[in-house]
Amino acid sequence: MGFEKGDHVVFHDKHSEYDGETGEVTQVSETMFGDSTYIVQFDEGQEAGIPEDALEAAEE
């Protein structure tokens, strides 16, 4: 599926303080293996290096 800069997403990572929060994708990077990782900005900060499978599209 993939996400683009500006997309709103819900982050799922039980080890993160942002688990379950909705944020905005601010940067998309591609790893040397061809996978995308994301930087997502939340109200209280940001999380970097997020794999695609930890994100889902937020309801508009």
C-alpha atoms as a PDB file:
ATOM      1  CA  MET A   1       0.000   0.000   0.000  1.00  0.00           C
ATOM      2  CA  GLY A   2       2.497   2.601   1.156  1.00  0.00           C
ATOM      3  CA  PHE A   3       1.990   6.072   2.516  1.00  0.00           C
ATOM      4  CA  GLU A   4       3.058   9.475   1.236  1.00  0.00           C
ATOM      5  CA  LYS A   5       4.187  12.673   2.895  1.00  0.00           C
ATOM      6  CA  GLY A   6       1.135  14.441   4.328  1.00  0.00           C
ATOM      7  CA  ASP A   7      -0.894  11.256   4.898  1.00  0.00           C
ATOM      8  CA  HIS A   8      -2.546  10.873   8.302  1.00  0.00           C
ATOM      9  CA  VAL A   9      -1.847   7.517   9.922  1.00  0.00           C
ATOM     10  CA  VAL A  10      -2.433   5.612  13.160  1.00  0.00           C
ATOM     11  CA  PHE A  11       0.750   4.220  14.712  1.00  0.00           C
ATOM     12  CA  HIS A  12       0.801   0.794  16.408  1.00  0.00           C
ATOM     13  CA  ASP A  13       3.808  -0.096  18.567  1.00  0.00           C
ATOM     14  CA  LYS A  14       3.187  -1.236  22.135  1.00  0.00           C
ATOM     15  CA  HIS A  15       6.726  -0.137  23.079  1.00  0.00           C
ATOM     16  CA  SER A  16       6.229   3.483  21.972  1.00  0.00           C
ATOM     17  CA  GLU A  17       4.672   6.347  23.893  1.00  0.00           C
ATOM     18  CA  TYR A  18       2.802   7.197  20.654  1.00  0.00           C
ATOM     19  CA  ASP A  19       1.080   3.790  20.334  1.00  0.00           C
ATOM     20  CA  GLY A  20      -2.471   4.236  19.040  1.00  0.00           C
ATOM     21  CA  GLU A  21      -1.988   7.923  18.214  1.00  0.00           C
ATOM     22  CA  THR A  22      -2.763   9.578  14.900  1.00  0.00           C
ATOM     23  CA  GLY A  23      -0.013  11.570  13.244  1.00  0.00           C
ATOM     24  CA  GLU A  24       1.119  12.942   9.899  1.00  0.00           C
ATOM     25  CA  VAL A  25       3.810  11.387   7.714  1.00  0.00           C
ATOM     26  CA  THR A  26       6.533  14.037   7.342  1.00  0.00           C
ATOM     27  CA  GLN A  27       9.186  11.974   5.536  1.00  0.00           C
ATOM     28  CA  VAL A  28       9.397   8.716   3.596  1.00  0.00           C
ATOM     29  CA  SER A  29      12.741   6.936   3.217  1.00  0.00           C
ATOM     30  CA  GLU A  30      13.636   3.769   1.375  1.00  0.00           C
ATOM     31  CA  THR A  31      16.003   1.260   2.961  1.00  0.00           C
ATOM     32  CA  MET A  32      18.698  -0.493   0.942  1.00  0.00           C
ATOM     33  CA  PHE A  33      16.364  -3.510   0.884  1.00  0.00           C
ATOM     34  CA  GLY A  34      13.636  -1.552  -0.899  1.00  0.00           C
ATOM     35  CA  ASP A  35      11.357  -1.196   2.123  1.00  0.00           C
ATOM     36  CA  SER A  36       9.902   2.158   3.123  1.00  0.00           C
ATOM     37  CA  THR A  37      10.320   3.661   6.577  1.00  0.00           C
ATOM     38  CA  TYR A  38       8.522   6.734   7.825  1.00  0.00           C
ATOM     39  CA  ILE A  39       8.909   9.710  10.133  1.00  0.00           C
ATOM     40  CA  VAL A  40       5.559  10.571  11.687  1.00  0.00           C
ATOM     41  CA  GLN A  41       4.815  13.825  13.531  1.00  0.00           C
ATOM     42  CA  PHE A  42       2.404  13.611  16.475  1.00  0.00           C
ATOM     43  CA  ASP A  43       0.980  16.408  18.654  1.00  0.00           C
ATOM     44  CA  GLU A  44       3.602  15.741  21.336  1.00  0.00           C
ATOM     45  CA  GLY A  45       6.628  14.873  19.175  1.00  0.00           C
ATOM     46  CA  GLN A  46       7.750  12.542  16.411  1.00  0.00           C
ATOM     47  CA  GLU A  47       8.845   8.973  15.845  1.00  0.00           C
ATOM     48  CA  ALA A  48      11.390   7.981  13.166  1.00  0.00           C
ATOM     49  CA  GLY A  49      12.204   4.752  11.377  1.00  0.00           C
ATOM     50  CA  ILE A  50       8.648   3.402  11.473  1.00  0.00           C
ATOM     51  CA  PRO A  51       8.063   0.388   9.232  1.00  0.00           C
ATOM     52  CA  GLU A  52       4.972   0.348   7.011  1.00  0.00           C
ATOM     53  CA  ASP A  53       3.391  -2.575   8.889  1.00  0.00           C
ATOM     54  CA  ALA A  54       3.218  -0.463  12.088  1.00  0.00           C
ATOM     55  CA  LEU A  55       0.960   2.106  10.384  1.00  0.00           C
ATOM     56  CA  GLU A  56      -2.619   2.159   9.177  1.00  0.00           C
ATOM     57  CA  ALA A  57      -4.502   4.853   7.316  1.00  0.00           C
ATOM     58  CA  ALA A  58      -6.378   7.182   9.667  1.00  0.00           C
ATOM     59  CA  GLU A  59     -10.067   7.810   9.147  1.00  0.00           C
ATOM     60  CA  GLU A  60     -10.656  11.189   7.528  1.00  0.00           C
END
